N, C-alpha and C. Protein backbone atom coordinates (compact mmCIF):
# COMPACT_ATOMS: atom_id res chain seq x y z
N MET A 1 -4.38 15.51 -8.83
CA MET A 1 -4.87 14.15 -8.69
C MET A 1 -3.76 13.18 -9.07
N ALA A 2 -3.56 12.18 -8.24
CA ALA A 2 -2.53 11.17 -8.50
C ALA A 2 -3.09 10.04 -9.36
N ARG A 3 -2.25 9.52 -10.23
CA ARG A 3 -2.61 8.38 -11.06
C ARG A 3 -1.94 7.15 -10.48
N MET A 4 -2.42 5.97 -10.87
CA MET A 4 -1.83 4.71 -10.39
C MET A 4 -0.34 4.70 -10.68
N TYR A 5 0.07 5.08 -11.87
CA TYR A 5 1.49 5.09 -12.22
C TYR A 5 2.27 5.97 -11.24
N ASP A 6 1.72 7.12 -10.91
CA ASP A 6 2.39 8.03 -9.99
C ASP A 6 2.54 7.40 -8.60
N LEU A 7 1.51 6.72 -8.13
CA LEU A 7 1.57 6.08 -6.82
C LEU A 7 2.60 4.96 -6.78
N ARG A 8 2.77 4.24 -7.87
CA ARG A 8 3.74 3.15 -7.92
C ARG A 8 5.18 3.65 -7.83
N GLN A 9 5.39 4.92 -8.06
CA GLN A 9 6.73 5.50 -8.00
C GLN A 9 7.05 6.07 -6.62
N LYS A 10 6.13 5.96 -5.69
CA LYS A 10 6.31 6.55 -4.36
C LYS A 10 6.45 5.46 -3.30
N GLU A 11 7.37 5.67 -2.38
CA GLU A 11 7.56 4.72 -1.28
C GLU A 11 6.54 5.01 -0.19
N VAL A 12 5.98 3.94 0.39
CA VAL A 12 5.00 4.07 1.46
C VAL A 12 5.72 3.91 2.80
N ILE A 13 5.57 4.93 3.66
CA ILE A 13 6.23 4.94 4.97
C ILE A 13 5.19 5.18 6.05
N ASN A 14 5.28 4.37 7.11
CA ASN A 14 4.36 4.49 8.22
C ASN A 14 4.92 5.48 9.25
N THR A 15 4.18 6.55 9.51
CA THR A 15 4.64 7.57 10.46
C THR A 15 4.53 7.10 11.90
N GLU A 16 3.73 6.06 12.15
CA GLU A 16 3.55 5.58 13.52
C GLU A 16 4.80 4.88 14.05
N ASP A 17 5.43 4.05 13.19
CA ASP A 17 6.61 3.31 13.67
C ASP A 17 7.83 3.46 12.75
N GLY A 18 7.73 4.28 11.73
CA GLY A 18 8.85 4.52 10.82
C GLY A 18 9.10 3.41 9.82
N ALA A 19 8.22 2.41 9.78
CA ALA A 19 8.41 1.28 8.86
C ALA A 19 8.31 1.73 7.40
N ARG A 20 9.22 1.21 6.59
CA ARG A 20 9.20 1.48 5.16
C ARG A 20 8.58 0.26 4.50
N TYR A 21 7.35 0.40 4.03
CA TYR A 21 6.61 -0.74 3.48
C TYR A 21 7.04 -1.11 2.07
N GLY A 22 7.46 -0.15 1.30
CA GLY A 22 7.81 -0.41 -0.10
C GLY A 22 6.96 0.44 -1.02
N TYR A 23 6.70 -0.08 -2.20
CA TYR A 23 5.99 0.68 -3.22
C TYR A 23 4.64 0.06 -3.54
N VAL A 24 3.67 0.89 -3.86
CA VAL A 24 2.31 0.44 -4.18
C VAL A 24 2.35 -0.48 -5.39
N SER A 25 1.70 -1.64 -5.27
CA SER A 25 1.63 -2.57 -6.40
C SER A 25 0.23 -2.62 -7.00
N ASP A 26 -0.78 -2.26 -6.19
CA ASP A 26 -2.16 -2.36 -6.68
C ASP A 26 -3.05 -1.48 -5.82
N LEU A 27 -4.26 -1.29 -6.29
CA LEU A 27 -5.27 -0.53 -5.56
C LEU A 27 -6.54 -1.36 -5.50
N GLU A 28 -7.31 -1.17 -4.45
CA GLU A 28 -8.65 -1.75 -4.37
C GLU A 28 -9.62 -0.59 -4.51
N ILE A 29 -10.53 -0.71 -5.46
CA ILE A 29 -11.45 0.40 -5.77
C ILE A 29 -12.89 -0.04 -5.49
N ASP A 30 -13.67 0.83 -4.89
CA ASP A 30 -15.09 0.58 -4.64
C ASP A 30 -15.82 0.66 -5.98
N GLU A 31 -16.43 -0.43 -6.38
CA GLU A 31 -17.09 -0.49 -7.69
C GLU A 31 -18.28 0.46 -7.81
N LYS A 32 -18.94 0.74 -6.70
CA LYS A 32 -20.11 1.62 -6.74
C LYS A 32 -19.74 3.09 -6.84
N THR A 33 -18.72 3.49 -6.07
CA THR A 33 -18.37 4.92 -6.03
C THR A 33 -17.18 5.27 -6.92
N GLY A 34 -16.36 4.27 -7.25
CA GLY A 34 -15.16 4.52 -8.04
C GLY A 34 -14.01 5.08 -7.22
N LYS A 35 -14.17 5.15 -5.90
CA LYS A 35 -13.13 5.69 -5.03
C LYS A 35 -12.17 4.60 -4.59
N VAL A 36 -10.91 4.99 -4.40
CA VAL A 36 -9.90 4.06 -3.91
C VAL A 36 -10.20 3.73 -2.46
N ARG A 37 -10.23 2.42 -2.14
CA ARG A 37 -10.46 1.98 -0.77
C ARG A 37 -9.18 1.56 -0.07
N THR A 38 -8.26 0.93 -0.83
CA THR A 38 -7.08 0.34 -0.21
C THR A 38 -5.87 0.44 -1.12
N LEU A 39 -4.71 0.78 -0.54
CA LEU A 39 -3.43 0.67 -1.24
C LEU A 39 -2.87 -0.70 -0.90
N ILE A 40 -2.33 -1.40 -1.89
CA ILE A 40 -1.74 -2.71 -1.66
C ILE A 40 -0.25 -2.65 -1.96
N VAL A 41 0.55 -3.06 -0.96
CA VAL A 41 2.00 -3.04 -1.07
C VAL A 41 2.52 -4.44 -0.73
N PRO A 42 3.31 -5.08 -1.62
CA PRO A 42 3.85 -6.41 -1.30
C PRO A 42 4.71 -6.36 -0.04
N ALA A 43 4.60 -7.39 0.78
CA ALA A 43 5.40 -7.48 2.00
C ALA A 43 6.86 -7.75 1.65
N PRO A 44 7.77 -7.49 2.57
CA PRO A 44 9.20 -7.75 2.32
C PRO A 44 9.43 -9.19 1.90
N GLY A 45 10.42 -9.38 1.05
CA GLY A 45 10.75 -10.72 0.60
C GLY A 45 10.08 -11.09 -0.70
N ARG A 46 9.14 -10.28 -1.17
CA ARG A 46 8.48 -10.55 -2.44
C ARG A 46 9.15 -9.72 -3.51
N VAL A 47 9.34 -10.31 -4.66
CA VAL A 47 9.97 -9.62 -5.78
C VAL A 47 8.91 -9.39 -6.85
N LEU A 48 8.68 -8.14 -7.19
CA LEU A 48 7.67 -7.77 -8.19
C LEU A 48 6.31 -8.35 -7.86
N GLY A 49 6.05 -8.56 -6.57
CA GLY A 49 4.76 -9.08 -6.15
C GLY A 49 4.55 -10.54 -6.53
N VAL A 50 5.63 -11.26 -6.91
CA VAL A 50 5.46 -12.63 -7.38
C VAL A 50 6.17 -13.65 -6.50
N PHE A 51 7.47 -13.53 -6.34
CA PHE A 51 8.26 -14.53 -5.63
C PHE A 51 8.41 -14.18 -4.16
N GLY A 52 8.24 -15.16 -3.30
CA GLY A 52 8.43 -14.94 -1.88
C GLY A 52 7.17 -15.20 -1.09
N ARG A 53 7.14 -14.62 0.11
CA ARG A 53 6.00 -14.84 0.99
C ARG A 53 4.74 -14.27 0.38
N ASP A 54 3.63 -14.91 0.69
CA ASP A 54 2.35 -14.46 0.17
C ASP A 54 1.65 -13.54 1.16
N GLN A 55 2.31 -12.44 1.49
CA GLN A 55 1.72 -11.45 2.37
C GLN A 55 1.82 -10.08 1.72
N GLU A 56 0.96 -9.19 2.16
CA GLU A 56 0.95 -7.84 1.62
C GLU A 56 0.42 -6.89 2.68
N TYR A 57 0.75 -5.62 2.52
CA TYR A 57 0.18 -4.57 3.36
C TYR A 57 -1.06 -4.08 2.63
N ARG A 58 -2.20 -4.07 3.32
CA ARG A 58 -3.46 -3.56 2.77
C ARG A 58 -3.82 -2.32 3.58
N ILE A 59 -3.47 -1.17 3.03
CA ILE A 59 -3.57 0.09 3.76
C ILE A 59 -4.84 0.83 3.37
N PRO A 60 -5.75 1.03 4.33
CA PRO A 60 -6.99 1.75 4.02
C PRO A 60 -6.70 3.19 3.59
N TRP A 61 -7.49 3.68 2.66
CA TRP A 61 -7.31 5.04 2.15
C TRP A 61 -7.32 6.06 3.29
N GLN A 62 -8.14 5.81 4.31
CA GLN A 62 -8.25 6.74 5.44
C GLN A 62 -6.95 6.84 6.23
N ALA A 63 -6.05 5.85 6.09
CA ALA A 63 -4.78 5.87 6.83
C ALA A 63 -3.74 6.77 6.17
N ILE A 64 -4.01 7.22 4.95
CA ILE A 64 -3.05 8.07 4.25
C ILE A 64 -3.06 9.47 4.88
N GLN A 65 -1.87 9.92 5.29
CA GLN A 65 -1.73 11.24 5.90
C GLN A 65 -1.32 12.28 4.86
N LYS A 66 -0.45 11.89 3.94
CA LYS A 66 0.07 12.84 2.96
C LYS A 66 0.65 12.08 1.77
N ILE A 67 0.38 12.58 0.58
CA ILE A 67 1.01 12.06 -0.63
C ILE A 67 1.94 13.15 -1.12
N GLY A 68 3.26 12.87 -1.02
CA GLY A 68 4.26 13.84 -1.42
C GLY A 68 4.83 13.53 -2.79
N ASP A 69 5.90 14.23 -3.15
CA ASP A 69 6.55 14.02 -4.45
C ASP A 69 7.16 12.62 -4.57
N ASP A 70 7.75 12.11 -3.46
CA ASP A 70 8.46 10.84 -3.50
C ASP A 70 7.90 9.77 -2.58
N ILE A 71 7.05 10.16 -1.62
CA ILE A 71 6.57 9.21 -0.64
C ILE A 71 5.08 9.37 -0.36
N VAL A 72 4.52 8.30 0.21
CA VAL A 72 3.16 8.33 0.73
C VAL A 72 3.29 8.05 2.23
N LEU A 73 2.87 9.00 3.04
CA LEU A 73 2.93 8.82 4.49
C LEU A 73 1.59 8.27 4.97
N VAL A 74 1.66 7.19 5.74
CA VAL A 74 0.45 6.58 6.28
C VAL A 74 0.60 6.46 7.79
N GLU A 75 -0.51 6.38 8.48
CA GLU A 75 -0.50 6.17 9.92
C GLU A 75 -1.42 5.00 10.23
N CYS A 76 -0.81 3.89 10.61
CA CYS A 76 -1.57 2.68 10.91
C CYS A 76 -0.71 1.73 11.73
N LYS A 77 -1.31 0.70 12.26
CA LYS A 77 -0.59 -0.33 13.00
C LYS A 77 -0.19 -1.41 12.00
N THR A 78 1.10 -1.69 11.90
CA THR A 78 1.61 -2.66 10.92
C THR A 78 0.90 -3.99 11.03
N GLU A 79 0.71 -4.48 12.25
CA GLU A 79 0.07 -5.78 12.42
C GLU A 79 -1.38 -5.81 11.94
N GLU A 80 -2.01 -4.64 11.87
CA GLU A 80 -3.40 -4.57 11.39
C GLU A 80 -3.50 -4.53 9.87
N VAL A 81 -2.46 -4.06 9.19
CA VAL A 81 -2.53 -3.94 7.73
C VAL A 81 -1.78 -5.06 7.00
N LEU A 82 -0.97 -5.84 7.71
CA LEU A 82 -0.26 -6.94 7.10
C LEU A 82 -1.18 -8.17 7.08
N SER A 83 -1.38 -8.73 5.89
CA SER A 83 -2.28 -9.87 5.77
C SER A 83 -1.79 -10.80 4.67
N ASP A 84 -2.38 -11.99 4.64
CA ASP A 84 -2.09 -12.92 3.57
C ASP A 84 -2.63 -12.36 2.26
N SER A 85 -1.89 -12.57 1.18
CA SER A 85 -2.33 -12.11 -0.13
C SER A 85 -3.56 -12.88 -0.57
N GLU A 86 -4.41 -12.20 -1.32
CA GLU A 86 -5.58 -12.87 -1.88
C GLU A 86 -5.13 -13.71 -3.07
N ALA A 87 -5.78 -14.81 -3.31
CA ALA A 87 -5.43 -15.67 -4.45
C ALA A 87 -5.71 -14.93 -5.74
N GLU A 88 -4.77 -15.10 -6.68
CA GLU A 88 -4.92 -14.40 -7.96
C GLU A 88 -5.60 -15.28 -8.97
């Protein structure tokens, strides 16, 4: 079982187009079931999820193909998972 800390150490790569999204910054969890629903990765140009564009990749758990030692492989359309960041 992977922990949040472990996921933050892995680079997220899209197998569909080879895009390197970066590293997981947060998770969205279903409050009723306790299951992870979404991996959140800051979009390029953001530093530590703070400075830069207010966009992020919101990758559904179902899009994850494999969690390896160093990477998380996902299969999705970049334009479908790239969105404006939610207000903090």
